[in-house]
């Protein structure tokens, strides 16, 4: 910043300090012009006495010198008139500066105030630049954190889905094995009942052949065994249907549970990404407001 007490080149003090010196120089030049000898001395008296070998060359040189003296005299007159005009202009300028000194003082103060404001504005711009860089760095950090958490959450989601699918496959295989075992047991039991029935029927037929009087009773026993066989068959079929329905319900329930877990994980991932994006937008708006 400029020194406040140093005179400015355009301030009133600077002009007033230089006026007397300039005015004195112009006045001295004017006096010198007024006291100079006659610019047109008798040209014929110049260079008449020296001895010369070539008079024509000497006359040519003398004519050129007289012409130079005349031109110098004219230029001296022109310079004197210009000096007088400059003295008048300087006098007017001095009066103008004297009457408008307060204006120049205020202009100098205004220039100093502008310089101070430029310095404060530069500091503010530096702070804004640092704030903007901090906001950009925070945005980059948040994006990196969101990307890392998204990748970790994706890996976790894949692990959960794989574990759920493995559990589903294991449960389905277990139920399939149980159903196959039940079918084998039922088939064996039916075979046993069928063999027993056939044995009873054979025995009854043999008894019928041996004793006609016990035919009715044997037939009733045969009917009873047939009914028993039908009841056992219906009961086994009912238990098989119930077990099959239970297996189907369990498989459906596990599938629904896995689907709900996958949907919950997907919603959590979308919420995390949306929250990160909203936080990043907030930082960018804050940076834009700080810059603007």
C-alpha atoms as a PDB file:
ATOM      1  CA  UNK A   1       0.000   0.000   0.000  1.00  0.00           C
ATOM      2  CA  UNK A   2       1.199   3.529  -0.770  1.00  0.00           C
ATOM      3  CA  UNK A   3       2.332   5.839   2.001  1.00  0.00           C
ATOM      4  CA  UNK A   4      -0.546   8.138   2.927  1.00  0.00           C
ATOM      5  CA  UNK A   5       1.813  11.070   3.557  1.00  0.00           C
ATOM      6  CA  UNK A   6       3.684  10.709   0.242  1.00  0.00           C
ATOM      7  CA  UNK A   7       2.416  13.258  -2.343  1.00  0.00           C
ATOM      8  CA  UNK A   8       0.620  11.600  -5.253  1.00  0.00           C
ATOM      9  CA  UNK A   9       1.536  12.585  -8.776  1.00  0.00           C
ATOM     10  CA  UNK A  10      -2.033  13.739  -9.392  1.00  0.00           C
ATOM     11  CA  UNK A  11      -2.809  15.086  -5.900  1.00  0.00           C
ATOM     12  CA  UNK A  12      -3.036  18.807  -5.196  1.00  0.00           C
ATOM     13  CA  UNK A  13       0.066  18.722  -3.051  1.00  0.00           C
ATOM     14  CA  UNK A  14       2.148  17.247  -5.853  1.00  0.00           C
ATOM     15  CA  UNK A  15       0.947  19.802  -8.368  1.00  0.00           C
ATOM     16  CA  UNK A  16       1.424  22.759  -6.025  1.00  0.00           C
ATOM     17  CA  UNK A  17       4.915  21.532  -5.154  1.00  0.00           C
ATOM     18  CA  UNK A  18       5.966  21.497  -8.800  1.00  0.00           C
ATOM     19  CA  UNK A  19       4.260  24.735  -9.945  1.00  0.00           C
ATOM     20  CA  UNK A  20       6.761  27.322  -8.657  1.00  0.00           C
ATOM     21  CA  UNK A  21       9.703  25.460 -10.141  1.00  0.00           C
ATOM     22  CA  UNK A  22       8.017  25.114 -13.558  1.00  0.00           C
ATOM     23  CA  UNK A  23       6.770  28.680 -13.534  1.00  0.00           C
ATOM     24  CA  UNK A  24      10.239  29.986 -12.617  1.00  0.00           C
ATOM     25  CA  UNK A  25      11.812  27.998 -15.437  1.00  0.00           C
ATOM     26  CA  UNK A  26       9.318  29.361 -17.950  1.00  0.00           C
ATOM     27  CA  UNK A  27       9.779  32.931 -16.659  1.00  0.00           C
ATOM     28  CA  UNK A  28      13.583  32.602 -16.828  1.00  0.00           C
ATOM     29  CA  UNK A  29      13.319  31.257 -20.369  1.00  0.00           C
ATOM     30  CA  UNK A  30      11.092  34.216 -21.294  1.00  0.00           C
ATOM     31  CA  UNK A  31      13.588  36.700 -19.792  1.00  0.00           C
ATOM     32  CA  UNK A  32      16.435  35.053 -21.613  1.00  0.00           C
ATOM     33  CA  UNK A  33      14.511  35.355 -24.841  1.00  0.00           C
ATOM     34  CA  UNK A  34      13.773  39.030 -24.178  1.00  0.00           C
ATOM     35  CA  UNK A  35      17.418  39.839 -23.333  1.00  0.00           C
ATOM     36  CA  UNK A  36      18.962  37.876 -26.206  1.00  0.00           C
ATOM     37  CA  UNK A  37      20.772  39.921 -28.910  1.00  0.00           C
ATOM     38  CA  UNK A  38      19.187  40.825 -32.178  1.00  0.00           C
ATOM     39  CA  UNK A  39      18.577  37.554 -34.042  1.00  0.00           C
ATOM     40  CA  UNK A  40      19.406  39.152 -37.407  1.00  0.00           C
ATOM     41  CA  UNK A  41      22.868  40.734 -37.277  1.00  0.00           C
ATOM     42  CA  UNK A  42      24.373  42.093 -40.503  1.00  0.00           C
ATOM     43  CA  UNK A  43      25.105  38.938 -42.452  1.00  0.00           C
ATOM     44  CA  UNK A  44      27.542  40.641 -44.805  1.00  0.00           C
ATOM     45  CA  UNK A  45      30.018  41.330 -41.992  1.00  0.00           C
ATOM     46  CA  UNK A  46      30.433  37.632 -41.132  1.00  0.00           C
ATOM     47  CA  UNK A  47      33.484  35.747 -42.414  1.00  0.00           C
ATOM     48  CA  UNK A  48      34.889  38.644 -44.522  1.00  0.00           C
ATOM     49  CA  UNK A  49      38.302  38.951 -42.918  1.00  0.00           C
ATOM     50  CA  UNK A  50      39.662  35.374 -42.679  1.00  0.00           C
ATOM     51  CA  UNK A  51      41.972  34.169 -45.374  1.00  0.00           C
ATOM     52  CA  UNK A  52      40.480  31.464 -47.521  1.00  0.00           C
ATOM     53  CA  UNK A  53      41.777  29.471 -50.492  1.00  0.00           C
ATOM     54  CA  UNK A  54      38.388  28.630 -52.058  1.00  0.00           C
ATOM     55  CA  UNK A  55      36.150  31.687 -51.811  1.00  0.00           C
ATOM     56  CA  UNK A  56      33.197  29.960 -53.470  1.00  0.00           C
ATOM     57  CA  UNK A  57      33.196  27.194 -50.884  1.00  0.00           C
ATOM     58  CA  UNK A  58      33.518  29.739 -48.136  1.00  0.00           C
ATOM     59  CA  UNK A  59      30.582  31.761 -49.479  1.00  0.00           C
ATOM     60  CA  UNK A  60      28.476  28.605 -49.766  1.00  0.00           C
ATOM     61  CA  UNK A  61      29.332  27.674 -46.186  1.00  0.00           C
ATOM     62  CA  UNK A  62      28.607  31.217 -44.984  1.00  0.00           C
ATOM     63  CA  UNK A  63      25.223  31.242 -46.745  1.00  0.00           C
ATOM     64  CA  UNK A  64      24.328  27.915 -45.145  1.00  0.00           C
ATOM     65  CA  UNK A  65      25.396  29.219 -41.748  1.00  0.00           C
ATOM     66  CA  UNK A  66      23.345  32.413 -42.158  1.00  0.00           C
ATOM     67  CA  UNK A  67      20.310  30.304 -43.108  1.00  0.00           C
ATOM     68  CA  UNK A  68      20.849  28.151 -39.999  1.00  0.00           C
ATOM     69  CA  UNK A  69      21.048  31.257 -37.815  1.00  0.00           C
ATOM     70  CA  UNK A  70      17.817  32.590 -39.289  1.00  0.00           C
ATOM     71  CA  UNK A  71      16.030  29.268 -38.707  1.00  0.00           C
ATOM     72  CA  UNK A  72      17.398  29.187 -35.156  1.00  0.00           C
ATOM     73  CA  UNK A  73      16.081  32.700 -34.573  1.00  0.00           C
ATOM     74  CA  UNK A  74      12.616  31.756 -35.823  1.00  0.00           C
ATOM     75  CA  UNK A  75      12.569  28.621 -33.661  1.00  0.00           C
ATOM     76  CA  UNK A  76      13.707  30.678 -30.667  1.00  0.00           C
ATOM     77  CA  UNK A  77      10.814  33.103 -31.208  1.00  0.00           C
ATOM     78  CA  UNK A  78       8.397  30.175 -31.488  1.00  0.00           C
ATOM     79  CA  UNK A  79       9.802  28.634 -28.300  1.00  0.00           C
ATOM     80  CA  UNK A  80       9.432  31.909 -26.438  1.00  0.00           C
ATOM     81  CA  UNK A  81       5.793  32.225 -27.479  1.00  0.00           C
ATOM     82  CA  UNK A  82       5.148  28.647 -26.423  1.00  0.00           C
ATOM     83  CA  UNK A  83       6.857  29.290 -23.081  1.00  0.00           C
ATOM     84  CA  UNK A  84       4.615  32.303 -22.486  1.00  0.00           C
ATOM     85  CA  UNK A  85       1.549  30.201 -23.356  1.00  0.00           C
ATOM     86  CA  UNK A  86       2.766  27.441 -21.024  1.00  0.00           C
ATOM     87  CA  UNK A  87       3.221  29.958 -18.211  1.00  0.00           C
ATOM     88  CA  UNK A  88      -0.376  31.099 -18.676  1.00  0.00           C
ATOM     89  CA  UNK A  89      -1.606  27.502 -18.694  1.00  0.00           C
ATOM     90  CA  UNK A  90       0.402  26.665 -15.560  1.00  0.00           C
ATOM     91  CA  UNK A  91      -0.992  29.704 -13.795  1.00  0.00           C
ATOM     92  CA  UNK A  92      -4.534  28.663 -14.674  1.00  0.00           C
ATOM     93  CA  UNK A  93      -3.801  25.095 -13.605  1.00  0.00           C
ATOM     94  CA  UNK A  94      -2.443  26.319 -10.279  1.00  0.00           C
ATOM     95  CA  UNK A  95      -5.609  28.321  -9.648  1.00  0.00           C
ATOM     96  CA  UNK A  96      -7.733  25.308 -10.627  1.00  0.00           C
ATOM     97  CA  UNK A  97      -5.824  22.982  -8.308  1.00  0.00           C
ATOM     98  CA  UNK A  98      -6.023  25.482  -5.480  1.00  0.00           C
ATOM     99  CA  UNK A  99      -9.797  25.747  -5.841  1.00  0.00           C
ATOM    100  CA  UNK A 100     -10.266  21.948  -6.077  1.00  0.00           C
ATOM    101  CA  UNK A 101      -7.750  20.777  -3.495  1.00  0.00           C
ATOM    102  CA  UNK A 102     -10.402  19.114  -1.320  1.00  0.00           C
ATOM    103  CA  UNK A 103     -11.562  17.096  -4.339  1.00  0.00           C
ATOM    104  CA  UNK A 104      -8.060  15.748  -4.906  1.00  0.00           C
ATOM    105  CA  UNK A 105      -7.708  14.989  -1.191  1.00  0.00           C
ATOM    106  CA  UNK A 106     -10.946  13.001  -1.215  1.00  0.00           C
ATOM    107  CA  UNK A 107      -9.801  11.218  -4.379  1.00  0.00           C
ATOM    108  CA  UNK A 108      -6.568  10.188  -2.655  1.00  0.00           C
ATOM    109  CA  UNK A 109      -8.491   8.918   0.372  1.00  0.00           C
ATOM    110  CA  UNK A 110     -10.851   7.037  -1.935  1.00  0.00           C
ATOM    111  CA  UNK A 111      -7.912   5.388  -3.711  1.00  0.00           C
ATOM    112  CA  UNK A 112      -6.450   4.318  -0.354  1.00  0.00           C
ATOM    113  CA  UNK A 113      -9.856   2.930   0.688  1.00  0.00           C
ATOM    114  CA  UNK A 114     -10.093   1.025  -2.601  1.00  0.00           C
ATOM    115  CA  UNK A 115      -6.629  -0.461  -1.991  1.00  0.00           C
ATOM    116  CA  UNK A 116      -7.659  -1.585   1.501  1.00  0.00           C
ATOM    117  CA  UNK A 117     -10.850  -3.121   0.156  1.00  0.00           C
ATOM    118  CA  UNK A 118      -8.890  -4.911  -2.547  1.00  0.00           C
ATOM    119  CA  UNK A 119      -6.668  -6.443   0.132  1.00  0.00           C
ATOM    120  CA  UNK A 120      -9.667  -7.540   2.241  1.00  0.00           C
ATOM    121  CA  UNK A 121     -11.381  -8.884  -0.887  1.00  0.00           C
ATOM    122  CA  UNK A 122      -8.267 -10.875  -1.764  1.00  0.00           C
ATOM    123  CA  UNK A 123      -8.205 -12.389   1.737  1.00  0.00           C
ATOM    124  CA  UNK A 124     -11.913 -13.246   1.461  1.00  0.00           C
ATOM    125  CA  UNK A 125     -11.384 -14.870  -1.941  1.00  0.00           C
ATOM    126  CA  UNK A 126      -8.541 -16.906  -0.459  1.00  0.00           C
ATOM    127  CA  UNK A 127     -10.796 -18.094   2.368  1.00  0.00           C
ATOM    128  CA  UNK A 128     -13.534 -18.970  -0.123  1.00  0.00           C
ATOM    129  CA  UNK A 129     -11.034 -20.892  -2.247  1.00  0.00           C
ATOM    130  CA  UNK A 130      -9.881 -22.849   0.819  1.00  0.00           C
ATOM    131  CA  UNK A 131     -13.511 -23.508   1.839  1.00  0.00           C
ATOM    132  CA  UNK A 132     -14.312 -24.681  -1.692  1.00  0.00           C
ATOM    133  CA  UNK A 133     -11.327 -27.016  -1.702  1.00  0.00           C
ATOM    134  CA  UNK A 134     -12.367 -28.372   1.713  1.00  0.00           C
ATOM    135  CA  UNK A 135     -15.920 -28.945   0.433  1.00  0.00           C
ATOM    136  CA  UNK A 136     -14.608 -30.739  -2.660  1.00  0.00           C
ATOM    137  CA  UNK A 137     -12.341 -32.899  -0.503  1.00  0.00           C
ATOM    138  CA  UNK A 138     -15.276 -33.723   1.803  1.00  0.00           C
ATOM    139  CA  UNK A 139     -17.381 -34.644  -1.230  1.00  0.00           C
ATOM    140  CA  UNK A 140     -14.612 -36.928  -2.506  1.00  0.00           C
ATOM    141  CA  UNK A 141     -14.273 -38.538   0.936  1.00  0.00           C
ATOM    142  CA  UNK A 142     -18.033 -39.130   1.141  1.00  0.00           C
ATOM    143  CA  UNK A 143     -18.121 -40.642  -2.343  1.00  0.00           C
ATOM    144  CA  UNK A 144     -15.235 -42.948  -1.416  1.00  0.00           C
ATOM    145  CA  UNK A 145     -16.977 -43.940   1.838  1.00  0.00           C
ATOM    146  CA  UNK A 146     -20.252 -44.598   0.011  1.00  0.00           C
ATOM    147  CA  UNK A 147     -18.445 -46.668  -2.593  1.00  0.00           C
ATOM    148  CA  UNK A 148     -16.637 -48.717   0.080  1.00  0.00           C
ATOM    149  CA  UNK A 149     -19.807 -49.277   2.109  1.00  0.00           C
ATOM    150  CA  UNK A 150     -21.763 -50.158  -1.025  1.00  0.00           C
ATOM    151  CA  UNK A 151     -19.175 -52.748  -1.994  1.00  0.00           C
ATOM    152  CA  UNK A 152     -19.109 -54.175   1.541  1.00  0.00           C
ATOM    153  CA  UNK A 153     -22.910 -54.235   1.677  1.00  0.00           C
ATOM    154  CA  UNK A 154     -23.041 -55.919  -1.728  1.00  0.00           C
ATOM    155  CA  UNK A 155     -20.630 -58.599  -0.537  1.00  0.00           C
ATOM    156  CA  UNK A 156     -22.685 -59.066   2.621  1.00  0.00           C
ATOM    157  CA  UNK A 157     -25.883 -59.280   0.576  1.00  0.00           C
ATOM    158  CA  UNK A 158     -24.310 -61.885  -1.703  1.00  0.00           C
ATOM    159  CA  UNK A 159     -23.159 -63.882   1.340  1.00  0.00           C
ATOM    160  CA  UNK A 160     -26.633 -63.730   2.914  1.00  0.00           C
ATOM    161  CA  UNK A 161     -28.285 -64.762  -0.338  1.00  0.00           C
ATOM    162  CA  UNK A 162     -25.835 -67.641  -0.792  1.00  0.00           C
ATOM    163  CA  UNK A 163     -26.391 -68.817   2.792  1.00  0.00           C
ATOM    164  CA  UNK A 164     -30.174 -68.578   2.383  1.00  0.00           C
ATOM    165  CA  UNK A 165     -30.056 -70.521  -0.888  1.00  0.00           C
ATOM    166  CA  UNK A 166     -27.829 -73.168   0.704  1.00  0.00           C
ATOM    167  CA  UNK A 167     -30.273 -73.443   3.606  1.00  0.00           C
ATOM    168  CA  UNK A 168     -33.176 -73.715   1.184  1.00  0.00           C
ATOM    169  CA  UNK A 169     -31.415 -76.444  -0.805  1.00  0.00           C
ATOM    170  CA  UNK A 170     -30.543 -78.315   2.375  1.00  0.00           C
ATOM    171  CA  UNK A 171     -34.114 -78.076   3.689  1.00  0.00           C
ATOM    172  CA  UNK A 172     -35.539 -79.177   0.365  1.00  0.00           C
ATOM    173  CA  UNK A 173     -33.160 -82.141   0.195  1.00  0.00           C
ATOM    174  CA  UNK A 174     -34.021 -83.071   3.774  1.00  0.00           C
ATOM    175  CA  UNK A 175     -37.767 -82.906   3.096  1.00  0.00           C
ATOM    176  CA  UNK A 176     -37.282 -84.880  -0.114  1.00  0.00           C
ATOM    177  CA  UNK A 177     -35.391 -87.566   1.784  1.00  0.00           C
ATOM    178  CA  UNK A 178     -38.089 -87.653   4.507  1.00  0.00           C
ATOM    179  CA  UNK A 179     -40.836 -87.953   1.889  1.00  0.00           C
ATOM    180  CA  UNK A 180     -38.996 -90.761   0.107  1.00  0.00           C
ATOM    181  CA  UNK A 181     -38.461 -92.552   3.410  1.00  0.00           C
ATOM    182  CA  UNK A 182     -42.155 -92.171   4.281  1.00  0.00           C
ATOM    183  CA  UNK A 183     -43.133 -93.532   0.896  1.00  0.00           C
ATOM    184  CA  UNK A 184     -40.868 -96.532   1.397  1.00  0.00           C
ATOM    185  CA  UNK A 185     -42.223 -97.152   4.914  1.00  0.00           C
ATOM    186  CA  UNK A 186     -45.807 -96.849   3.684  1.00  0.00           C
ATOM    187  CA  UNK A 187     -45.131 -99.175   0.786  1.00  0.00           C
ATOM    188  CA  UNK A 188     -43.542-101.734   3.085  1.00  0.00           C
ATOM    189  CA  UNK A 189     -46.421-101.473   5.543  1.00  0.00           C
ATOM    190  CA  UNK A 190     -48.980-101.852   2.782  1.00  0.00           C
ATOM    191  CA  UNK A 191     -47.090-104.864   1.510  1.00  0.00           C
ATOM    192  CA  UNK A 192     -47.127-106.326   5.001  1.00  0.00           C
ATOM    193  CA  UNK A 193     -50.851-105.658   5.393  1.00  0.00           C
ATOM    194  CA  UNK A 194     -51.489-107.096   1.958  1.00  0.00           C
ATOM    195  CA  UNK A 195     -49.495-110.210   2.815  1.00  0.00           C
ATOM    196  CA  UNK A 196     -51.307-110.501   6.144  1.00  0.00           C
ATOM    197  CA  UNK A 197     -54.636-110.087   4.416  1.00  0.00           C
ATOM    198  CA  UNK A 198     -53.752-112.640   1.845  1.00  0.00           C
ATOM    199  CA  UNK A 199     -52.700-115.013   4.619  1.00  0.00           C
ATOM    200  CA  UNK A 200     -55.945-114.402   6.511  1.00  0.00           C
ATOM    201  CA  UNK A 201     -57.993-114.810   3.358  1.00  0.00           C
ATOM    202  CA  UNK A 202     -56.159-118.033   2.569  1.00  0.00           C
ATOM    203  CA  UNK A 203     -56.750-119.265   6.083  1.00  0.00           C
ATOM    204  CA  UNK A 204     -60.423-118.332   5.907  1.00  0.00           C
ATOM    205  CA  UNK A 205     -60.820-120.023   2.583  1.00  0.00           C
ATOM    206  CA  UNK A 206     -59.149-123.085   3.999  1.00  0.00           C
ATOM    207  CA  UNK A 207     -61.430-122.984   7.008  1.00  0.00           C
ATOM    208  CA  UNK A 208     -64.402-122.483   4.740  1.00  0.00           C
ATOM    209  CA  UNK A 209     -63.470-125.499   2.811  1.00  0.00           C
ATOM    210  CA  UNK A 210     -62.906-127.544   6.009  1.00  0.00           C
ATOM    211  CA  UNK A 211     -65.857-126.250   8.005  1.00  0.00           C
ATOM    212  CA  UNK A 212     -68.895-124.890   6.283  1.00  0.00           C
ATOM    213  CA  UNK A 213     -70.597-124.027   9.537  1.00  0.00           C
ATOM    214  CA  UNK A 214     -67.951-121.357  10.241  1.00  0.00           C
ATOM    215  CA  UNK A 215     -68.142-119.834   6.769  1.00  0.00           C
ATOM    216  CA  UNK A 216     -70.248-116.869   7.780  1.00  0.00           C
ATOM    217  CA  UNK A 217     -67.977-116.013  10.670  1.00  0.00           C
ATOM    218  CA  UNK A 218     -64.906-116.390   8.510  1.00  0.00           C
ATOM    219  CA  UNK A 219     -66.439-114.159   5.868  1.00  0.00           C
ATOM    220  CA  UNK A 220     -67.155-111.551   8.508  1.00  0.00           C
ATOM    221  CA  UNK A 221     -63.547-111.746   9.700  1.00  0.00           C
ATOM    222  CA  UNK A 222     -62.396-111.413   6.112  1.00  0.00           C
ATOM    223  CA  UNK A 223     -64.590-108.355   5.649  1.00  0.00           C
ATOM    224  CA  UNK A 224     -63.226-106.946   8.883  1.00  0.00           C
ATOM    225  CA  UNK A 225     -59.672-107.472   7.680  1.00  0.00           C
ATOM    226  CA  UNK A 226     -60.511-105.889   4.327  1.00  0.00           C
ATOM    227  CA  UNK A 227     -62.002-102.885   6.162  1.00  0.00           C
ATOM    228  CA  UNK A 228     -58.904-102.762   8.338  1.00  0.00           C
ATOM    229  CA  UNK A 229     -56.747-102.777   5.226  1.00  0.00           C
ATOM    230  CA  UNK A 230     -58.829 -99.951   3.676  1.00  0.00           C
ATOM    231  CA  UNK A 231     -58.651 -97.919   6.895  1.00  0.00           C
ATOM    232  CA  UNK A 232     -54.902 -98.368   7.169  1.00  0.00           C
ATOM    233  CA  UNK A 233     -54.529 -97.428   3.515  1.00  0.00           C
ATOM    234  CA  UNK A 234     -56.634 -94.263   3.949  1.00  0.00           C
ATOM    235  CA  UNK A 235     -54.771 -93.346   7.154  1.00  0.00           C
ATOM    236  CA  UNK A 236     -51.384 -93.831   5.515  1.00  0.00           C
ATOM    237  CA  UNK A 237     -52.494 -91.830   2.466  1.00  0.00           C
ATOM    238  CA  UNK A 238     -53.801 -89.048   4.717  1.00  0.00           C
ATOM    239  CA  UNK A 239     -50.538 -88.931   6.675  1.00  0.00           C
ATOM    240  CA  UNK A 240     -48.608 -88.854   3.414  1.00  0.00           C
ATOM    241  CA  UNK A 241     -50.740 -85.936   2.139  1.00  0.00           C
ATOM    242  CA  UNK A 242     -50.300 -84.062   5.428  1.00  0.00           C
ATOM    243  CA  UNK A 243     -46.544 -84.592   5.370  1.00  0.00           C
ATOM    244  CA  UNK A 244     -46.400 -83.490   1.720  1.00  0.00           C
ATOM    245  CA  UNK A 245     -48.439 -80.350   2.546  1.00  0.00           C
ATOM    246  CA  UNK A 246     -46.156 -79.663   5.509  1.00  0.00           C
ATOM    247  CA  UNK A 247     -43.093 -80.000   3.290  1.00  0.00           C
ATOM    248  CA  UNK A 248     -44.670 -77.673   0.689  1.00  0.00           C
ATOM    249  CA  UNK A 249     -45.590 -75.087   3.362  1.00  0.00           C
ATOM    250  CA  UNK A 250     -42.088 -75.211   4.832  1.00  0.00           C
ATOM    251  CA  UNK A 251     -40.508 -74.743   1.402  1.00  0.00           C
ATOM    252  CA  UNK A 252     -42.911 -71.854   0.623  1.00  0.00           C
ATOM    253  CA  UNK A 253     -42.231 -70.240   4.024  1.00  0.00           C
ATOM    254  CA  UNK A 254     -38.457 -70.486   3.595  1.00  0.00           C
ATOM    255  CA  UNK A 255     -38.730 -69.069   0.063  1.00  0.00           C
ATOM    256  CA  UNK A 256     -40.851 -66.142   1.323  1.00  0.00           C
ATOM    257  CA  UNK A 257     -38.414 -65.535   4.192  1.00  0.00           C
ATOM    258  CA  UNK A 258     -35.465 -65.496   1.794  1.00  0.00           C
ATOM    259  CA  UNK A 259     -37.348 -63.149  -0.536  1.00  0.00           C
ATOM    260  CA  UNK A 260     -38.156 -60.780   2.365  1.00  0.00           C
ATOM    261  CA  UNK A 261     -34.517 -60.790   3.490  1.00  0.00           C
ATOM    262  CA  UNK A 262     -33.347 -59.992  -0.047  1.00  0.00           C
ATOM    263  CA  UNK A 263     -35.919 -57.184  -0.406  1.00  0.00           C
ATOM    264  CA  UNK A 264     -34.925 -55.753   3.007  1.00  0.00           C
ATOM    265  CA  UNK A 265     -31.232 -55.831   2.070  1.00  0.00           C
ATOM    266  CA  UNK A 266     -31.969 -54.164  -1.298  1.00  0.00           C
ATOM    267  CA  UNK A 267     -34.006 -51.400   0.408  1.00  0.00           C
ATOM    268  CA  UNK A 268     -31.195 -50.819   2.911  1.00  0.00           C
ATOM    269  CA  UNK A 269     -28.702 -50.542   0.057  1.00  0.00           C
ATOM    270  CA  UNK A 270     -30.909 -48.060  -1.826  1.00  0.00           C
ATOM    271  CA  UNK A 271     -31.434 -45.991   1.366  1.00  0.00           C
ATOM    272  CA  UNK A 272     -27.682 -45.900   2.037  1.00  0.00           C
ATOM    273  CA  UNK A 273     -26.951 -44.773  -1.531  1.00  0.00           C
ATOM    274  CA  UNK A 274     -29.741 -42.151  -1.404  1.00  0.00           C
ATOM    275  CA  UNK A 275     -28.462 -40.838   1.954  1.00  0.00           C
ATOM    276  CA  UNK A 276     -24.924 -40.552   0.592  1.00  0.00           C
ATOM    277  CA  UNK A 277     -26.167 -38.763  -2.539  1.00  0.00           C
ATOM    278  CA  UNK A 278     -28.263 -36.349  -0.459  1.00  0.00           C
ATOM    279  CA  UNK A 279     -25.269 -35.591   1.782  1.00  0.00           C
ATOM    280  CA  UNK A 280     -23.075 -34.994  -1.257  1.00  0.00           C
ATOM    281  CA  UNK A 281     -25.712 -32.676  -2.823  1.00  0.00           C
ATOM    282  CA  UNK A 282     -25.866 -30.745   0.464  1.00  0.00           C
ATOM    283  CA  UNK A 283     -22.084 -30.245   0.470  1.00  0.00           C
ATOM    284  CA  UNK A 284     -22.092 -29.172  -3.195  1.00  0.00           C
ATOM    285  CA  UNK A 285     -24.889 -26.641  -2.555  1.00  0.00           C
ATOM    286  CA  UNK A 286     -22.996 -25.288   0.462  1.00  0.00           C
ATOM    287  CA  UNK A 287     -19.876 -24.923  -1.662  1.00  0.00           C
ATOM    288  CA  UNK A 288     -21.835 -23.153  -4.421  1.00  0.00           C
ATOM    289  CA  UNK A 289     -23.377 -20.784  -1.869  1.00  0.00           C
ATOM    290  CA  UNK A 290     -19.935 -20.074  -0.391  1.00  0.00           C
ATOM    291  CA  UNK A 291     -18.469 -19.362  -3.829  1.00  0.00           C
ATOM    292  CA  UNK A 292     -21.468 -17.355  -5.010  1.00  0.00           C
END
